[in-house]
Protein backbone atom coordinates (compact mmCIF):
# COMPACT_ATOMS: atom_id res chain seq x y z
CA MET A 1 0.00 0.00 0.00
CA ALA A 2 1.40 3.37 -0.97
CA VAL A 3 1.37 6.42 1.24
CA THR A 4 -0.82 8.14 -1.34
CA GLY A 5 -3.29 5.29 -0.90
CA ILE A 6 -3.31 5.80 2.83
CA SER A 7 -3.90 9.51 2.37
CA ALA A 8 -6.76 8.89 0.01
CA ASN A 9 -8.40 6.57 2.51
CA ARG A 10 -7.42 8.37 5.67
CA LEU A 11 -10.99 8.46 6.99
CA GLU A 12 -11.29 4.75 6.37
CA LEU A 13 -8.13 4.27 8.46
CA LEU A 14 -9.73 6.10 11.37
CA GLN A 15 -12.90 4.05 10.96
CA ILE A 16 -10.87 0.84 11.14
CA ALA A 17 -9.16 2.05 14.31
CA GLU A 18 -12.54 2.98 15.77
CA ALA A 19 -14.01 -0.46 14.95
CA VAL A 20 -11.05 -2.34 16.45
CA ALA A 21 -11.14 -0.21 19.59
CA ARG A 22 -14.87 -0.81 20.00
CA GLU A 23 -14.55 -4.55 19.43
CA LYS A 24 -11.61 -5.03 21.82
CA ASN A 25 -12.96 -2.48 24.34
CA ILE A 26 -9.80 -0.37 24.32
CA GLU A 27 -9.04 3.27 23.60
CA ARG A 28 -8.96 4.40 19.94
CA GLU A 29 -5.70 6.24 20.55
CA ILE A 30 -4.02 2.97 21.47
CA VAL A 31 -5.01 1.43 18.14
CA ILE A 32 -3.80 4.50 16.21
CA GLU A 33 -0.48 4.40 18.09
CA ALA A 34 -0.13 0.73 17.15
CA ILE A 35 -0.73 1.57 13.48
CA GLU A 36 1.85 4.37 13.70
CA GLU A 37 4.40 1.97 15.17
CA ALA A 38 3.66 -0.58 12.45
CA ILE A 39 4.15 2.01 9.67
CA GLN A 40 7.30 3.25 11.42
CA LYS A 41 8.72 -0.27 11.57
CA GLY A 42 7.90 -0.84 7.89
CA ALA A 43 9.65 2.40 6.95
CA LYS A 44 12.76 1.42 8.88
CA SER A 45 12.89 -1.89 7.04
CA ARG A 46 12.76 0.12 3.76
CA TYR A 47 15.17 2.96 4.54
CA GLY A 48 17.36 1.21 7.14
CA ALA A 49 16.87 0.29 10.80
CA HIS A 50 19.63 2.69 11.90
CA HIS A 51 17.56 5.72 10.88
CA ASP A 52 15.37 7.54 13.42
CA ILE A 53 12.10 7.41 11.49
CA ARG A 54 8.81 8.45 13.03
CA ALA A 55 5.26 8.08 11.74
CA LYS A 56 2.42 10.31 12.88
CA ILE A 57 -1.28 9.98 12.08
CA ASP A 58 -3.57 12.93 12.71
CA HIS A 59 -6.34 11.70 15.02
CA LYS A 60 -8.92 13.98 13.37
CA THR A 61 -8.11 13.84 9.66
CA GLY A 62 -6.19 10.57 9.40
CA GLU A 63 -3.35 12.33 7.54
CA LEU A 64 -0.02 10.43 7.73
CA SER A 65 3.34 12.14 8.06
CA LEU A 66 6.59 10.19 7.82
CA THR A 67 9.72 11.98 9.02
CA ARG A 68 13.40 11.29 9.63
CA HIS A 69 15.09 12.88 12.65
CA VAL A 70 18.75 13.73 13.23
CA THR A 71 19.83 14.99 16.67
CA ILE A 72 22.93 17.11 17.48
CA VAL A 73 25.15 15.67 20.22
CA GLU A 74 28.29 16.93 21.95
CA ASP A 75 31.68 16.44 20.35
CA ASP A 76 32.86 14.21 23.20
CA TRP A 77 29.59 12.27 23.39
CA MET A 78 30.05 8.82 24.93
CA PRO A 79 27.49 6.02 25.13
CA GLU A 80 25.86 5.39 28.50
CA ASP A 81 26.20 1.62 28.23
CA GLU A 82 28.19 -0.88 26.20
CA LEU A 83 25.20 -1.75 24.00
CA GLU A 84 24.82 1.84 22.79
CA GLU A 85 27.06 3.37 20.12
CA PHE A 86 27.30 6.48 17.95
CA ASN A 87 24.74 6.32 15.16
CA ASP A 88 25.83 8.56 12.30
CA SER A 89 22.40 8.22 10.64
CA ALA A 90 20.49 9.58 13.66
CA MET A 91 23.19 11.70 15.32
CA VAL A 92 25.59 14.40 14.28
CA ARG A 93 28.38 15.90 16.36
CA LEU A 94 28.24 19.60 17.15
CA LYS A 95 31.48 20.43 15.25
CA ASP A 96 30.14 18.75 12.08
CA ALA A 97 26.73 20.40 12.37
CA SER A 98 28.28 23.85 12.91
CA LYS A 99 29.93 23.63 9.49
CA ARG A 100 26.50 23.64 7.78
CA ASP A 101 24.34 25.36 10.40
CA PRO A 102 25.66 28.39 12.29
CA GLU A 103 22.77 28.14 14.78
CA ALA A 104 23.52 24.50 15.70
CA VAL A 105 23.26 23.67 19.41
CA VAL A 106 23.35 20.39 21.35
CA GLY A 107 19.90 18.80 21.35
CA LYS A 108 18.62 20.46 18.16
CA GLU A 109 16.77 18.13 15.82
CA TYR A 110 16.71 18.22 12.04
CA VAL A 111 13.47 16.90 10.59
CA GLU A 112 13.26 15.58 7.04
CA ASN A 113 10.00 14.57 5.39
CA LEU A 114 10.30 11.21 3.66
CA PRO A 115 8.73 10.40 0.30
CA PRO A 116 5.91 7.91 -0.07
CA PHE A 117 6.71 4.21 -0.33
CA GLU A 118 4.79 1.04 -0.93
CA PHE A 119 4.36 -1.67 1.66
CA GLY A 120 5.59 -5.01 0.41
CA ARG A 121 4.47 -8.42 1.58
CA VAL A 122 7.12 -8.55 4.30
CA GLN A 123 6.33 -5.03 5.56
CA THR A 124 2.62 -5.81 5.57
CA GLN A 125 3.10 -8.98 7.61
CA MET A 126 5.38 -7.15 10.01
CA ALA A 127 2.83 -4.35 10.40
CA ARG A 128 0.05 -6.85 11.08
CA GLN A 129 2.12 -8.50 13.85
CA VAL A 130 2.92 -5.17 15.47
CA VAL A 131 -0.70 -4.00 15.47
CA THR A 132 -1.96 -7.37 16.73
CA GLY A 133 0.62 -7.45 19.54
CA LYS A 134 -0.10 -3.89 20.66
CA VAL A 135 -3.84 -4.45 20.64
CA ARG A 136 -3.45 -7.67 22.63
CA GLU A 137 -1.25 -5.93 25.24
CA ALA A 138 -3.80 -3.15 25.63
CA GLU A 139 -6.61 -5.67 25.86
CA ARG A 140 -4.78 -7.62 28.60
CA ALA A 141 -4.00 -4.43 30.56
CA ASN A 142 -7.65 -3.42 30.32
CA GLN A 143 -8.77 -6.87 31.44
CA TYR A 144 -6.47 -6.78 34.48
CA GLU A 145 -7.79 -3.37 35.54
CA GLU A 146 -11.33 -4.67 35.11
CA PHE A 147 -10.94 -7.79 37.28
CA LYS A 148 -8.13 -7.00 39.74
CA ASP A 149 -10.60 -5.79 42.39
CA ARG A 150 -13.10 -8.60 41.82
CA VAL A 151 -11.18 -11.46 43.48
CA GLY A 152 -13.59 -13.45 45.63
CA GLU A 153 -16.66 -12.79 43.44
CA ILE A 154 -18.89 -15.19 41.56
CA VAL A 155 -19.17 -14.33 37.86
CA ASN A 156 -21.33 -15.69 35.05
CA GLY A 157 -19.73 -16.61 31.77
CA THR A 158 -19.97 -18.64 28.59
CA VAL A 159 -17.70 -21.53 27.76
CA LYS A 160 -15.54 -20.34 24.87
CA ARG A 161 -13.38 -23.42 24.34
CA VAL A 162 -11.89 -26.40 26.17
CA GLU A 163 -8.14 -27.05 25.89
CA TYR A 164 -6.54 -30.12 27.46
CA GLY A 165 -9.10 -30.17 30.25
CA ASN A 166 -8.78 -26.42 30.93
CA THR A 167 -11.95 -24.45 30.29
CA ILE A 168 -11.71 -20.97 28.75
CA VAL A 169 -14.68 -18.85 29.87
CA ASP A 170 -15.86 -15.66 28.16
CA LEU A 171 -16.70 -13.17 30.92
CA GLY A 172 -18.03 -10.42 28.66
CA ARG A 173 -15.26 -7.84 29.13
CA GLY A 174 -12.51 -10.43 29.21
CA GLU A 175 -11.91 -14.12 29.52
CA GLY A 176 -10.71 -16.40 32.30
CA VAL A 177 -9.40 -19.92 32.57
CA MET A 178 -10.62 -22.70 34.83
CA ARG A 179 -7.91 -25.32 35.10
CA ARG A 180 -8.67 -29.00 35.28
CA ASP A 181 -7.91 -29.24 39.02
CA GLN A 182 -10.22 -26.27 39.74
CA SER A 183 -13.28 -27.85 38.19
CA ILE A 184 -15.65 -30.29 39.83
CA PRO A 185 -14.74 -33.90 38.92
CA ARG A 186 -16.90 -35.56 36.25
CA GLU A 187 -18.31 -32.16 35.28
CA VAL A 188 -18.31 -31.71 31.49
CA PHE A 189 -18.86 -28.42 29.69
CA ASN A 190 -19.63 -27.82 26.02
CA ILE A 191 -18.92 -24.72 23.99
CA GLY A 192 -21.66 -22.16 24.59
CA ASP A 193 -22.69 -23.44 28.06
CA ARG A 194 -23.50 -20.80 30.68
CA ILE A 195 -21.64 -21.41 33.92
CA ARG A 196 -21.02 -19.73 37.27
CA THR A 197 -17.44 -19.59 38.48
CA TYR A 198 -15.44 -18.07 41.31
CA ILE A 199 -12.53 -15.66 40.74
CA TYR A 200 -9.77 -16.75 43.11
CA ASP A 201 -6.81 -14.96 41.54
CA VAL A 202 -6.00 -12.22 39.02
CA ARG A 203 -2.40 -12.03 37.81
CA PRO A 204 -0.74 -9.24 35.77
CA GLU A 205 1.10 -11.62 33.44
CA ALA A 206 2.38 -10.74 29.98
CA LYS A 207 1.41 -14.10 28.54
CA GLY A 208 -0.99 -16.81 29.53
CA PRO A 209 -4.19 -16.50 31.56
CA GLN A 210 -4.77 -13.61 33.89
CA VAL A 211 -8.17 -14.32 35.47
CA MET A 212 -8.10 -17.65 37.32
CA LEU A 213 -11.50 -19.25 37.84
CA SER A 214 -12.63 -22.12 40.03
CA ARG A 215 -15.65 -24.19 40.93
CA ALA A 216 -13.74 -26.35 43.42
CA HIS A 217 -12.56 -23.53 45.71
CA PRO A 218 -14.10 -23.37 49.23
CA GLY A 219 -14.85 -19.71 48.60
CA PHE A 220 -17.20 -20.68 45.76
CA MET A 221 -19.41 -22.57 48.18
CA ALA A 222 -19.26 -19.72 50.69
CA LYS A 223 -20.36 -17.18 48.09
CA LEU A 224 -23.19 -19.45 46.92
CA PHE A 225 -24.50 -19.53 50.47
CA ALA A 226 -24.25 -15.73 50.59
CA GLN A 227 -26.53 -15.62 47.55
CA GLU A 228 -29.01 -18.15 48.92
CA VAL A 229 -29.07 -17.12 52.60
CA PRO A 230 -30.01 -13.47 53.29
CA GLU A 231 -28.62 -13.69 56.82
CA VAL A 232 -25.18 -14.50 55.44
CA TYR A 233 -25.33 -11.66 52.91
CA ASP A 234 -26.43 -9.20 55.62
CA GLY A 235 -23.60 -10.29 57.92
CA VAL A 236 -25.86 -11.66 60.65
CA ILE A 237 -24.37 -15.11 60.04
CA GLU A 238 -20.65 -15.44 59.34
CA ILE A 239 -18.99 -18.28 57.46
CA ARG A 240 -15.82 -18.64 59.51
CA ALA A 241 -14.24 -21.61 57.73
CA ALA A 242 -14.88 -23.93 54.82
CA ALA A 243 -13.27 -27.08 53.44
CA ARG A 244 -14.16 -29.04 50.31
CA ASP A 245 -13.48 -32.32 48.63
CA SER A 246 -15.00 -31.06 45.41
CA GLY A 247 -17.68 -33.23 43.90
CA SER A 248 -17.97 -35.42 46.98
CA ARG A 249 -18.28 -33.70 50.33
CA ALA A 250 -17.73 -30.40 52.10
CA LYS A 251 -17.75 -28.94 55.62
CA MET A 252 -18.61 -25.39 56.57
CA ALA A 253 -18.40 -23.68 59.97
CA VAL A 254 -20.89 -20.86 60.63
CA LEU A 255 -21.39 -18.40 63.47
CA SER A 256 -24.40 -16.23 64.31
CA ASN A 257 -23.98 -12.68 65.61
CA ASP A 258 -27.60 -12.76 66.77
CA SER A 259 -28.32 -15.16 69.61
CA SER A 260 -31.92 -15.54 68.46
CA ILE A 261 -30.91 -16.98 65.07
CA ASP A 262 -29.72 -20.54 64.65
CA PRO A 263 -26.87 -20.35 62.09
CA VAL A 264 -27.07 -24.00 61.04
CA GLY A 265 -30.86 -23.93 60.62
CA ALA A 266 -30.74 -20.68 58.67
CA CYS A 267 -28.21 -22.12 56.21
CA VAL A 268 -30.16 -25.37 55.82
CA GLY A 269 -33.48 -23.58 55.27
CA MET A 270 -37.05 -24.80 55.36
CA ARG A 271 -36.92 -28.54 54.58
CA GLY A 272 -33.38 -28.05 53.31
CA SER A 273 -34.39 -25.68 50.50
CA ARG A 274 -31.41 -23.34 50.85
CA VAL A 275 -28.70 -25.97 51.16
CA GLN A 276 -30.25 -28.01 48.37
CA ALA A 277 -29.96 -25.05 46.01
CA VAL A 278 -26.22 -24.93 46.71
CA VAL A 279 -25.92 -28.72 46.46
CA ALA A 280 -27.56 -28.61 43.02
CA GLU A 281 -25.04 -26.02 41.79
CA LEU A 282 -22.18 -28.16 43.16
CA GLN A 283 -23.35 -31.26 41.30
CA GLY A 284 -24.75 -33.10 44.32
CA GLU A 285 -21.86 -32.41 46.70
CA LYS A 286 -22.84 -33.33 50.27
CA ILE A 287 -22.41 -30.45 52.72
CA ASP A 288 -22.01 -30.71 56.49
CA ILE A 289 -22.89 -27.42 58.20
CA ILE A 290 -21.53 -27.13 61.73
CA GLN A 291 -21.47 -24.38 64.32
CA TRP A 292 -18.18 -22.59 64.81
CA ASN A 293 -16.91 -22.32 68.38
CA PRO A 294 -14.02 -20.22 69.72
CA ASP A 295 -13.08 -23.10 72.02
CA GLU A 296 -10.72 -25.22 69.93
CA PRO A 297 -11.56 -28.65 71.44
CA THR A 298 -15.29 -28.00 71.06
CA PHE A 299 -14.81 -26.85 67.47
CA ILE A 300 -12.79 -29.97 66.65
CA VAL A 301 -15.52 -32.18 68.13
CA ASN A 302 -18.13 -30.35 66.02
CA ALA A 303 -15.97 -30.66 62.90
CA LEU A 304 -15.77 -34.46 63.24
CA ALA A 305 -19.56 -34.79 63.27
CA PRO A 306 -21.47 -37.05 62.90
CA ALA A 307 -18.87 -39.14 64.76
CA GLU A 308 -18.94 -39.06 68.56
CA VAL A 309 -15.74 -38.04 70.37
CA SER A 310 -14.71 -39.25 73.83
CA LYS A 311 -11.59 -37.16 74.45
CA VAL A 312 -9.48 -34.47 72.78
CA VAL A 313 -5.80 -33.87 73.59
CA LEU A 314 -4.17 -30.74 72.07
CA ASP A 315 -0.48 -30.31 71.32
CA GLU A 316 -0.27 -26.59 70.55
CA GLU A 317 3.47 -26.56 69.84
CA ALA A 318 3.22 -29.23 67.14
CA GLY A 319 -0.18 -28.04 65.92
CA ARG A 320 -1.58 -31.55 66.34
CA VAL A 321 -4.57 -32.91 68.19
CA GLU A 322 -5.28 -36.45 69.30
CA VAL A 323 -8.91 -37.47 69.24
CA VAL A 324 -10.17 -40.54 71.07
CA VAL A 325 -13.39 -42.09 69.77
CA PRO A 326 -15.36 -45.20 70.78
CA ASP A 327 -14.33 -48.37 68.96
CA GLU A 328 -17.56 -48.53 66.97
CA GLN A 329 -17.17 -44.88 65.89
CA LEU A 330 -13.69 -45.23 64.36
CA SER A 331 -14.79 -45.88 60.79
CA LEU A 332 -17.34 -43.08 60.99
CA ALA A 333 -14.78 -40.58 62.31
CA ILE A 334 -12.24 -41.42 59.61
CA GLY A 335 -14.74 -41.57 56.76
CA ARG A 336 -14.38 -43.01 53.32
CA ARG A 337 -10.71 -42.85 52.29
CA GLY A 338 -10.06 -40.64 55.33
CA GLN A 339 -12.38 -37.96 53.97
CA ASN A 340 -14.10 -36.96 57.22
CA VAL A 341 -10.93 -36.49 59.25
CA ARG A 342 -9.18 -34.77 56.32
CA LEU A 343 -11.94 -32.19 55.90
CA ALA A 344 -12.12 -31.65 59.66
CA SER A 345 -8.36 -31.03 59.67
CA GLN A 346 -8.65 -28.47 56.87
CA LEU A 347 -11.61 -26.81 58.59
CA THR A 348 -9.99 -26.42 62.00
CA GLY A 349 -6.36 -25.92 60.97
CA TRP A 350 -5.22 -28.74 63.29
CA GLN A 351 -3.60 -31.98 62.27
CA ILE A 352 -5.95 -34.63 63.67
CA ASP A 353 -4.91 -38.14 64.75
CA ILE A 354 -7.75 -40.52 65.58
CA ILE A 355 -7.40 -43.51 67.91
CA THR A 356 -9.92 -45.75 69.61
CA GLU A 357 -10.65 -45.97 73.33
CA ALA A 358 -9.11 -49.44 73.40
CA GLN A 359 -5.90 -48.16 71.81
CA ASP A 360 -5.83 -45.20 74.17
CA SER A 361 -6.35 -47.47 77.20
CA GLU A 362 -3.63 -49.87 76.04
CA ARG A 363 -1.19 -47.03 75.51
CA ARG A 364 -1.95 -45.47 78.90
CA GLN A 365 -1.43 -48.82 80.62
CA ARG A 366 1.87 -49.28 78.81
CA GLU A 367 3.05 -45.79 79.77
CA PHE A 368 1.92 -46.37 83.37
CA ALA A 369 3.95 -49.58 83.59
CA GLU A 370 7.05 -47.95 82.02
CA ARG A 371 6.94 -44.97 84.38
CA THR A 372 6.33 -47.22 87.37
CA GLY A 373 9.39 -49.31 86.48
CA LEU A 374 11.46 -46.15 86.01
CA PHE A 375 10.60 -44.81 89.49
CA GLN A 376 11.24 -48.23 91.07
CA GLU A 377 14.70 -48.36 89.55
CA ALA A 378 15.66 -44.74 90.11
CA LEU A 379 14.31 -44.25 93.63
CA ASP A 380 14.70 -47.80 94.94
CA VAL A 381 11.09 -47.93 96.15
CA ASP A 382 8.42 -50.57 95.96
CA GLU A 383 5.77 -50.78 93.25
CA VAL A 384 3.02 -49.17 95.36
CA ILE A 385 4.94 -45.94 95.92
CA ALA A 386 6.04 -45.82 92.29
CA GLN A 387 2.46 -46.28 91.07
CA LEU A 388 1.29 -43.57 93.46
CA LEU A 389 3.81 -41.11 92.02
CA VAL A 390 2.74 -41.91 88.46
CA THR A 391 -0.90 -41.55 89.41
CA GLU A 392 -0.21 -38.07 90.79
CA GLY A 393 1.13 -36.98 87.39
CA PHE A 394 4.91 -37.39 87.70
CA ALA A 395 6.19 -38.66 84.34
CA THR A 396 9.97 -38.42 84.72
CA VAL A 397 12.53 -38.38 87.48
CA GLU A 398 13.27 -34.72 86.63
CA ASP A 399 9.64 -33.84 87.37
CA LEU A 400 9.99 -35.28 90.87
CA ALA A 401 13.46 -33.91 91.61
CA TYR A 402 12.84 -30.25 90.89
CA VAL A 403 9.26 -29.58 92.02
CA ASP A 404 8.42 -27.79 95.23
CA PRO A 405 8.56 -30.20 98.20
CA TYR A 406 4.99 -29.45 99.23
CA GLU A 407 3.68 -30.93 95.94
CA VAL A 408 5.16 -34.28 96.99
CA SER A 409 4.33 -34.07 100.69
CA GLU A 410 0.66 -33.35 99.90
CA ILE A 411 0.28 -36.80 98.31
CA GLU A 412 -1.87 -39.00 100.53
CA GLY A 413 0.32 -41.17 102.76
CA PHE A 414 3.42 -38.96 102.31
CA ASP A 415 4.89 -36.50 104.81
CA GLU A 416 7.62 -33.86 104.50
CA GLU A 417 10.38 -36.29 105.53
CA THR A 418 9.28 -38.80 102.90
CA ALA A 419 9.10 -36.10 100.27
CA GLU A 420 12.62 -34.86 101.06
CA GLU A 421 13.97 -38.42 100.93
CA LEU A 422 12.31 -39.13 97.55
CA GLN A 423 13.60 -35.88 96.04
CA ALA A 424 17.08 -36.52 97.43
CA ARG A 425 17.11 -39.98 95.80
CA ALA A 426 15.83 -38.48 92.55
CA ARG A 427 18.58 -35.86 92.48
CA GLU A 428 21.19 -38.45 93.40
CA TYR A 429 19.99 -40.64 90.51
CA LEU A 430 20.13 -37.73 88.07
CA ASP A 431 23.62 -36.76 89.25
CA LYS A 432 24.76 -40.35 88.80
CA LYS A 433 23.33 -40.50 85.28
CA ALA A 434 24.89 -37.13 84.45
CA ALA A 435 28.28 -38.31 85.70
CA GLU A 436 28.02 -41.47 83.61
CA LEU A 437 27.09 -39.46 80.52
CA ASP A 438 29.87 -36.95 81.12
CA ALA A 439 32.41 -39.74 81.51
CA LYS A 440 31.19 -41.29 78.29
CA ARG A 441 31.45 -37.91 76.59
CA VAL A 442 35.08 -37.51 77.70
CA GLU A 443 35.81 -41.07 76.60
CA LEU A 444 34.39 -40.27 73.14
CA GLY A 445 36.63 -37.20 72.94
CA VAL A 446 33.88 -34.55 72.84
CA GLU A 447 35.30 -31.18 73.88
CA ASP A 448 33.89 -29.21 76.80
CA GLY A 449 33.14 -26.33 74.40
CA VAL A 450 30.41 -28.38 72.75
CA LEU A 451 28.47 -28.36 76.03
CA GLN A 452 28.76 -24.56 76.15
CA VAL A 453 26.75 -24.24 72.93
CA PRO A 454 23.17 -23.19 73.86
CA GLY A 455 20.76 -26.04 73.31
CA VAL A 456 23.30 -28.88 73.70
CA THR A 457 22.64 -31.24 76.62
CA LEU A 458 24.76 -34.09 77.98
CA PRO A 459 22.78 -36.79 76.16
CA MET A 460 23.12 -34.73 72.96
CA ALA A 461 26.89 -34.39 73.51
CA VAL A 462 27.20 -38.17 73.85
CA ALA A 463 25.13 -38.71 70.71
CA LEU A 464 27.30 -36.18 68.85
CA GLY A 465 30.44 -37.99 70.00
CA GLU A 466 29.06 -41.32 68.79
CA GLY A 467 28.41 -39.65 65.45
CA GLY A 468 31.98 -38.35 65.16
CA VAL A 469 31.15 -34.73 66.07
CA LYS A 470 33.71 -33.84 68.74
CA THR A 471 34.43 -30.11 68.43
CA VAL A 472 32.43 -26.93 68.14
CA GLU A 473 33.73 -26.55 64.57
CA ASP A 474 32.49 -30.03 63.71
CA LEU A 475 29.02 -29.11 64.99
CA ALA A 476 29.05 -25.77 63.19
CA ASP A 477 29.95 -27.50 59.91
CA LEU A 478 26.90 -29.78 59.99
CA ALA A 479 23.79 -29.39 57.88
CA THR A 480 20.27 -29.80 59.21
CA ASP A 481 19.84 -33.12 57.37
CA GLU A 482 22.97 -34.43 59.08
CA ILE A 483 21.37 -33.62 62.44
CA ARG A 484 17.74 -34.63 61.81
CA GLY A 485 18.35 -37.29 59.17
CA GLY A 486 17.30 -37.31 55.55
CA TYR A 487 17.22 -39.26 52.32
CA GLU A 488 19.80 -39.87 49.62
CA VAL A 489 19.59 -41.52 46.23
CA LYS A 490 22.04 -44.42 45.96
CA ASN A 491 22.12 -46.68 42.92
CA GLY A 492 18.77 -45.26 41.83
CA GLU A 493 17.08 -45.98 45.16
CA ARG A 494 16.00 -43.53 47.85
CA VAL A 495 17.84 -44.51 51.03
CA LYS A 496 17.23 -43.21 54.57
CA VAL A 497 20.33 -41.59 56.11
CA PRO A 498 20.15 -41.28 59.91
CA GLY A 499 21.10 -38.03 61.64
CA VAL A 500 23.40 -37.75 64.66
CA LEU A 501 20.57 -36.29 66.79
CA GLU A 502 17.65 -37.99 65.05
CA SER A 503 16.55 -39.75 68.25
CA PHE A 504 15.89 -36.36 69.91
CA ASN A 505 13.21 -35.44 67.32
CA LEU A 506 14.42 -31.89 66.83
CA ALA A 507 12.26 -29.62 64.71
CA GLN A 508 13.74 -28.06 61.57
CA GLU A 509 13.91 -24.63 63.22
CA ASP A 510 15.59 -26.02 66.36
CA ALA A 511 18.22 -27.85 64.30
CA GLU A 512 18.98 -24.69 62.31
CA LEU A 513 19.24 -22.61 65.50
CA LEU A 514 21.60 -25.19 67.05
CA ILE A 515 23.93 -24.97 64.04
CA LEU A 516 23.86 -21.16 64.12
CA GLN A 517 24.63 -21.14 67.86
CA ALA A 518 27.61 -23.42 67.17
CA ARG A 519 28.84 -21.07 64.44
CA VAL A 520 28.60 -18.15 66.86
CA ALA A 521 30.59 -20.13 69.44
CA ALA A 522 33.17 -21.00 66.77
CA GLY A 523 33.50 -17.34 65.81
CA TRP A 524 32.27 -17.87 62.26
CA ILE A 525 29.36 -15.44 62.55
CA ASP A 526 28.27 -12.68 64.92
CA ALA A 527 25.51 -13.20 67.47
CA SER A 528 23.53 -10.39 65.84
CA GLU A 529 22.98 -12.66 62.81
CA LEU A 530 20.90 -15.07 64.87
CA PRO A 531 17.16 -14.98 64.14
CA GLN A 532 15.35 -12.76 66.62
CA PRO A 533 12.04 -13.86 68.10
CA GLU A 534 9.14 -11.93 66.63
CA PRO A 535 7.05 -9.96 69.10
CA GLU A 536 3.59 -11.35 69.61
CA GLU A 537 0.90 -9.42 67.87
CA TYR A 538 -2.58 -9.29 69.17
CA GLU A 539 -5.09 -8.52 66.47
CA GLU A 540 -8.71 -7.83 67.10
CA ASP A 541 -11.24 -9.50 64.90
CA GLY A 542 -11.98 -7.07 62.13
CA ASP A 543 -15.45 -6.18 60.96
CA TYR A 544 -16.22 -7.27 57.43
CA ALA A 545 -18.64 -5.70 55.03
CA GLU A 546 -21.84 -7.29 53.96
CA GLY A 547 -21.33 -10.55 52.16
CA GLU A 548 -17.60 -10.66 52.96
CA TYR A 549 -15.75 -13.22 55.04
CA ASP A 550 -12.50 -13.56 56.87
CA PRO A 551 -10.10 -14.56 54.06
CA ASP A 552 -7.72 -16.27 56.48
CA GLN A 553 -10.52 -18.54 57.60
CA VAL A 554 -12.56 -19.18 54.49
CA PHE A 555 -9.97 -18.93 51.76
CA GLY A 556 -6.81 -19.98 53.61
CA ASP A 557 -4.76 -22.94 52.39
CA ALA A 558 -5.55 -26.22 53.98
CA PRO A 559 -2.86 -27.78 56.19
CA ALA A 560 -0.75 -30.54 54.86
CA GLU A 561 -2.62 -33.75 54.79
CA ASP A 562 -1.47 -36.58 56.96
CA ASP A 563 -2.83 -39.97 56.17
CA THR A 564 -1.56 -41.48 59.41
CA ALA A 565 -4.92 -41.62 61.09
CA GLU A 566 -4.98 -44.92 62.86
CA GLY A 567 -7.57 -47.52 62.12
CA GLU A 568 -9.03 -48.92 58.98
CA GLU A 569 -10.75 -46.77 56.41
CA SER A 570 -14.48 -46.88 56.21
CA ASP A 571 -16.97 -46.76 53.42
CA ALA A 572 -19.35 -44.78 55.57
CA GLU A 573 -19.98 -41.26 54.29
CA PRO A 574 -22.40 -39.40 56.55
CA SER A 575 -23.67 -35.96 55.70
CA ASN A 576 -26.14 -33.38 56.88
CA ALA A 577 -27.19 -32.57 53.36
């Protein structure tokens, strides 16, 4: 196409830009700028890429001007980086310009109008690519601005296409993608189907999908309830947590801010009308609605419904909870393929281990016998006294040795003299054991400096010596896997490699801190480089607007699954829905 042709059809050029802008929902100026860049690139391919050629289209008349620019630079001009160099086609030094132009100054530009030229096949293809790329970039930027503040909303869309299990959905002013793992299993969509999806993420990416959709996200279920239950939308009832095994079963914890309203009943509705509407949208997914409780043990018991719970034991440091259930309730508590306990774990944020009453009783009897034998050996007392100490809650000899004397003397049948004698024997036993360990440490060649490292005890020092760690430098040179144990691949097989302190069950953070403390003691690093404990922050529960939920509760990631729940799996799958 010649420039004269473009001039003759300049209004048509503006009409094309207007049509493209309207179709893609972008500004007309962006399309015109893309056309200018395309013409500019075509001109450079004709006259030479080293020329500074600029194309300008009048936004009112459509008139095209093609110009070449030459800029005056200083005589000692040097490039700012190694990739830049002096371009004699777009630059001229001041001394050379002064020979032809007495008014030449640094920064002055010489503008030359270029003659018309015809676009060849190559230039046309290049121009098409430039315009298409610019329009796509503008369209993506517009789409991001449109949806960036809509995360957590339910949107209606039309299935545009299905690619490798991923569903591309037309949202009207953009499109989103629902990946295979974010769709409900066994749910099939055809091109043109109307679907409801949940926006769980919007990413400003240059390529690939930006709007991430889901029908398997817990937030999708929560928002559906907000649409079906007016009390949830108005904020009278809060959805505090949700967990889903999409297509099969879900659990949801609700709380009422009005004591006169039953949150579970309100979500279920008259004869289950409200929950059934949500179940129908989720392709028959069974939903257990439970009442949220600020008391963690009570909440855990509610989350395991319909199974009955006998006892709950919390381990706050490890984030685990041990739940004891009657023998006949074990299969019900675990659920089919561990589904019930897994969803309860995701809902509460605790890792749940389930055991039966028989297993709990057997374990307690075993622990009672072991502790009784320990006290008999350490204190040289008969079985009755040892059992009495265990019954009163003393688990180790250290517990007995370093408690206040009155806690021992208050035991029925004991007096102050007996308490003093028992504590004296306990301390004597501990001193004897410490002396034996210290002698073993010296025999193994472990230096005294190792004991000075914070966190290292005598038993640890002996274990380190048995593992060949005898100096502070040796300890400082260890890795966490060498302390806690790990896995290595040998001859194509994954082999367990024991750690020197594996028997002490140190956490990853404790092992790392122990190594850092050793490096401080060895003089390798300064004590200021040690991780500082974060101050505890106390946050008040924020107020959320109508129809909104606590994102940390509803939309937070589920804890890592642990399939170590004891007992056999059950085929029972109870549900409230």
